Amino acid sequence: MRKKDLRPIRVLLILAAVAAAVIVLFMTLNAKGRWDFILPFRGMKVLSMVLVAYAIAVSTVLFQTVSHNRILTPSIMGFDASTS
């Protein structure tokens, strides 16, 4: 592979390392109490945030694929706005 081909991989690895560091900081920063409660409790929060982020990313790509518009997103259309 040429050097130019490795740049996206390097950027993704750096972003993954930063994300892992932020997750470790979230799991341990200001943790007062029992670790056997804190780690599963915060771990469930991290897992739910990752799941929601993945779902939003997939839905946006699917929406753009169906509408044949790379700029159009569900939030621009107002699908995430509350009706009250």
N, C-alpha and C. Protein backbone atom coordinates (compact mmCIF):
# COMPACT_ATOMS: atom_id res chain seq x y z
N MET A 1 0.83 -1.18 0.00
CA MET A 1 0.00 0.00 0.00
C MET A 1 0.88 1.24 0.00
N ARG A 2 0.36 2.24 -0.67
CA ARG A 2 1.07 3.50 -0.66
C ARG A 2 0.78 4.25 0.62
N LYS A 3 1.57 5.28 0.88
CA LYS A 3 1.40 6.07 2.10
C LYS A 3 0.04 6.78 2.11
N LYS A 4 -0.41 7.19 0.96
CA LYS A 4 -1.68 7.89 0.86
C LYS A 4 -2.85 6.98 1.25
N ASP A 5 -2.75 5.69 0.99
CA ASP A 5 -3.81 4.74 1.31
C ASP A 5 -3.90 4.46 2.81
N LEU A 6 -2.84 4.69 3.55
CA LEU A 6 -2.83 4.38 4.98
C LEU A 6 -3.40 5.50 5.83
N ARG A 7 -3.57 6.68 5.29
CA ARG A 7 -4.03 7.81 6.10
C ARG A 7 -5.41 7.59 6.71
N PRO A 8 -6.42 7.11 5.97
CA PRO A 8 -7.72 6.89 6.60
C PRO A 8 -7.66 5.85 7.73
N ILE A 9 -6.85 4.82 7.54
CA ILE A 9 -6.71 3.80 8.58
C ILE A 9 -6.07 4.40 9.82
N ARG A 10 -5.06 5.22 9.62
CA ARG A 10 -4.38 5.87 10.74
C ARG A 10 -5.33 6.80 11.49
N VAL A 11 -6.12 7.55 10.75
CA VAL A 11 -7.09 8.47 11.37
C VAL A 11 -8.12 7.69 12.17
N LEU A 12 -8.64 6.59 11.62
CA LEU A 12 -9.60 5.78 12.34
C LEU A 12 -9.01 5.16 13.61
N LEU A 13 -7.76 4.73 13.54
CA LEU A 13 -7.10 4.17 14.72
C LEU A 13 -6.90 5.23 15.80
N ILE A 14 -6.54 6.43 15.39
CA ILE A 14 -6.38 7.53 16.36
C ILE A 14 -7.72 7.87 17.00
N LEU A 15 -8.77 7.96 16.19
CA LEU A 15 -10.10 8.25 16.73
C LEU A 15 -10.58 7.14 17.65
N ALA A 16 -10.30 5.89 17.32
CA ALA A 16 -10.68 4.78 18.19
C ALA A 16 -9.93 4.85 19.52
N ALA A 17 -8.65 5.22 19.48
CA ALA A 17 -7.87 5.35 20.71
C ALA A 17 -8.39 6.49 21.57
N VAL A 18 -8.74 7.60 20.94
CA VAL A 18 -9.31 8.73 21.69
C VAL A 18 -10.65 8.34 22.31
N ALA A 19 -11.49 7.64 21.54
CA ALA A 19 -12.78 7.19 22.06
C ALA A 19 -12.60 6.24 23.23
N ALA A 20 -11.64 5.33 23.13
CA ALA A 20 -11.38 4.40 24.24
C ALA A 20 -10.89 5.14 25.47
N ALA A 21 -10.04 6.15 25.28
CA ALA A 21 -9.55 6.93 26.41
C ALA A 21 -10.68 7.70 27.07
N VAL A 22 -11.58 8.26 26.28
CA VAL A 22 -12.72 9.00 26.83
C VAL A 22 -13.65 8.05 27.59
N ILE A 23 -13.85 6.85 27.07
CA ILE A 23 -14.69 5.87 27.76
C ILE A 23 -14.07 5.48 29.09
N VAL A 24 -12.75 5.26 29.11
CA VAL A 24 -12.07 4.91 30.36
C VAL A 24 -12.18 6.06 31.35
N LEU A 25 -12.03 7.30 30.89
CA LEU A 25 -12.19 8.46 31.78
C LEU A 25 -13.61 8.54 32.33
N PHE A 26 -14.60 8.31 31.48
CA PHE A 26 -15.99 8.35 31.94
C PHE A 26 -16.25 7.27 32.97
N MET A 27 -15.70 6.10 32.76
CA MET A 27 -15.94 4.98 33.67
C MET A 27 -15.27 5.17 35.03
N THR A 28 -14.17 5.92 35.08
CA THR A 28 -13.39 5.99 36.32
C THR A 28 -13.35 7.35 36.98
N LEU A 29 -13.62 8.42 36.26
CA LEU A 29 -13.50 9.76 36.81
C LEU A 29 -14.59 10.02 37.85
N ASN A 30 -14.19 10.55 39.00
CA ASN A 30 -15.11 10.86 40.10
C ASN A 30 -15.93 9.65 40.54
N ALA A 31 -15.35 8.49 40.48
CA ALA A 31 -16.03 7.27 40.91
C ALA A 31 -15.84 7.11 42.41
N LYS A 32 -16.89 7.45 43.13
CA LYS A 32 -16.85 7.34 44.59
C LYS A 32 -17.84 6.26 44.99
N GLY A 33 -17.36 5.24 45.62
CA GLY A 33 -18.23 4.15 46.01
C GLY A 33 -17.64 2.82 45.62
N ARG A 34 -18.53 1.84 45.53
CA ARG A 34 -18.09 0.47 45.23
C ARG A 34 -17.93 0.29 43.73
N TRP A 35 -16.76 -0.25 43.34
CA TRP A 35 -16.47 -0.46 41.92
C TRP A 35 -17.39 -1.50 41.30
N ASP A 36 -17.85 -2.47 42.09
CA ASP A 36 -18.72 -3.51 41.53
C ASP A 36 -20.11 -2.97 41.20
N PHE A 37 -20.45 -1.77 41.68
CA PHE A 37 -21.68 -1.10 41.27
C PHE A 37 -21.42 -0.07 40.18
N ILE A 38 -20.36 0.71 40.35
CA ILE A 38 -20.09 1.83 39.44
C ILE A 38 -19.77 1.36 38.03
N LEU A 39 -18.90 0.38 37.89
CA LEU A 39 -18.49 -0.05 36.55
C LEU A 39 -19.64 -0.64 35.74
N PRO A 40 -20.46 -1.54 36.28
CA PRO A 40 -21.60 -2.01 35.47
C PRO A 40 -22.62 -0.92 35.17
N PHE A 41 -22.84 -0.02 36.14
CA PHE A 41 -23.81 1.06 35.95
C PHE A 41 -23.36 2.01 34.84
N ARG A 42 -22.12 2.44 34.91
CA ARG A 42 -21.60 3.34 33.87
C ARG A 42 -21.38 2.59 32.56
N GLY A 43 -21.02 1.32 32.66
CA GLY A 43 -20.84 0.51 31.45
C GLY A 43 -22.13 0.39 30.65
N MET A 44 -23.25 0.25 31.36
CA MET A 44 -24.54 0.18 30.68
C MET A 44 -24.86 1.51 29.98
N LYS A 45 -24.48 2.62 30.61
CA LYS A 45 -24.67 3.93 29.99
C LYS A 45 -23.83 4.05 28.72
N VAL A 46 -22.57 3.62 28.79
CA VAL A 46 -21.69 3.68 27.61
C VAL A 46 -22.23 2.79 26.50
N LEU A 47 -22.66 1.60 26.87
CA LEU A 47 -23.21 0.68 25.87
C LEU A 47 -24.45 1.26 25.20
N SER A 48 -25.32 1.89 25.97
CA SER A 48 -26.52 2.49 25.38
C SER A 48 -26.16 3.67 24.48
N MET A 49 -25.16 4.48 24.87
CA MET A 49 -24.75 5.60 24.02
C MET A 49 -24.16 5.11 22.70
N VAL A 50 -23.37 4.04 22.76
CA VAL A 50 -22.79 3.48 21.54
C VAL A 50 -23.88 2.90 20.65
N LEU A 51 -24.86 2.22 21.25
CA LEU A 51 -25.95 1.64 20.48
C LEU A 51 -26.79 2.73 19.80
N VAL A 52 -27.09 3.82 20.50
CA VAL A 52 -27.86 4.91 19.92
C VAL A 52 -27.07 5.59 18.81
N ALA A 53 -25.78 5.81 19.02
CA ALA A 53 -24.95 6.42 17.98
C ALA A 53 -24.91 5.56 16.73
N TYR A 54 -24.79 4.25 16.90
CA TYR A 54 -24.78 3.34 15.76
C TYR A 54 -26.13 3.37 15.04
N ALA A 55 -27.22 3.37 15.79
CA ALA A 55 -28.55 3.38 15.18
C ALA A 55 -28.77 4.68 14.39
N ILE A 56 -28.33 5.81 14.93
CA ILE A 56 -28.48 7.08 14.23
C ILE A 56 -27.65 7.09 12.95
N ALA A 57 -26.43 6.57 13.02
CA ALA A 57 -25.58 6.54 11.84
C ALA A 57 -26.17 5.66 10.75
N VAL A 58 -26.65 4.48 11.12
CA VAL A 58 -27.23 3.57 10.14
C VAL A 58 -28.51 4.16 9.55
N SER A 59 -29.35 4.74 10.38
CA SER A 59 -30.61 5.31 9.87
C SER A 59 -30.34 6.48 8.93
N THR A 60 -29.33 7.28 9.22
CA THR A 60 -28.99 8.40 8.34
C THR A 60 -28.50 7.90 6.98
N VAL A 61 -27.65 6.89 6.99
CA VAL A 61 -27.14 6.33 5.73
C VAL A 61 -28.29 5.70 4.93
N LEU A 62 -29.17 4.98 5.61
CA LEU A 62 -30.30 4.37 4.91
C LEU A 62 -31.25 5.44 4.35
N PHE A 63 -31.49 6.47 5.12
CA PHE A 63 -32.37 7.56 4.67
C PHE A 63 -31.77 8.26 3.46
N GLN A 64 -30.46 8.51 3.49
CA GLN A 64 -29.81 9.16 2.36
C GLN A 64 -29.80 8.24 1.13
N THR A 65 -29.70 6.95 1.35
CA THR A 65 -29.72 6.01 0.24
C THR A 65 -31.10 5.97 -0.41
N VAL A 66 -32.14 5.94 0.40
CA VAL A 66 -33.50 5.88 -0.13
C VAL A 66 -33.86 7.17 -0.85
N SER A 67 -33.45 8.31 -0.28
CA SER A 67 -33.83 9.60 -0.88
C SER A 67 -32.87 10.05 -1.98
N HIS A 68 -31.77 9.34 -2.19
CA HIS A 68 -30.75 9.69 -3.19
C HIS A 68 -30.23 11.11 -2.99
N ASN A 69 -30.07 11.52 -1.75
CA ASN A 69 -29.60 12.86 -1.43
C ASN A 69 -28.59 12.74 -0.29
N ARG A 70 -27.35 13.11 -0.54
CA ARG A 70 -26.30 12.97 0.46
C ARG A 70 -26.39 14.03 1.55
N ILE A 71 -27.06 15.14 1.29
CA ILE A 71 -27.15 16.22 2.27
C ILE A 71 -28.35 16.03 3.20
N LEU A 72 -29.41 15.43 2.68
CA LEU A 72 -30.65 15.28 3.42
C LEU A 72 -30.47 14.28 4.56
N THR A 73 -30.84 14.69 5.77
CA THR A 73 -30.79 13.81 6.93
C THR A 73 -32.15 13.84 7.63
N PRO A 74 -32.44 12.85 8.46
CA PRO A 74 -33.73 12.86 9.18
C PRO A 74 -33.91 14.10 10.05
N SER A 75 -32.83 14.60 10.64
CA SER A 75 -32.98 15.78 11.50
C SER A 75 -33.28 17.04 10.70
N ILE A 76 -32.76 17.15 9.48
CA ILE A 76 -33.07 18.29 8.63
C ILE A 76 -34.55 18.25 8.24
N MET A 77 -35.08 17.04 8.01
CA MET A 77 -36.48 16.89 7.67
C MET A 77 -37.40 17.12 8.87
N GLY A 78 -36.85 17.11 10.08
CA GLY A 78 -37.65 17.35 11.27
C GLY A 78 -38.24 16.10 11.87
N PHE A 79 -37.73 14.93 11.50
CA PHE A 79 -38.28 13.68 12.04
C PHE A 79 -37.91 13.46 13.50
N ASP A 80 -36.93 14.18 14.01
CA ASP A 80 -36.56 14.01 15.41
C ASP A 80 -37.20 15.08 16.31
N ALA A 81 -37.99 15.98 15.73
CA ALA A 81 -38.65 17.03 16.50
C ALA A 81 -39.85 16.47 17.23
N SER A 82 -40.08 16.98 18.44
CA SER A 82 -41.23 16.52 19.20
C SER A 82 -42.50 17.18 18.65
N THR A 83 -43.63 16.52 18.81
CA THR A 83 -44.89 17.01 18.27
C THR A 83 -45.69 17.81 19.29
N SER A 84 -45.18 18.01 20.46
CA SER A 84 -45.96 18.75 21.48
C SER A 84 -45.77 20.22 21.39
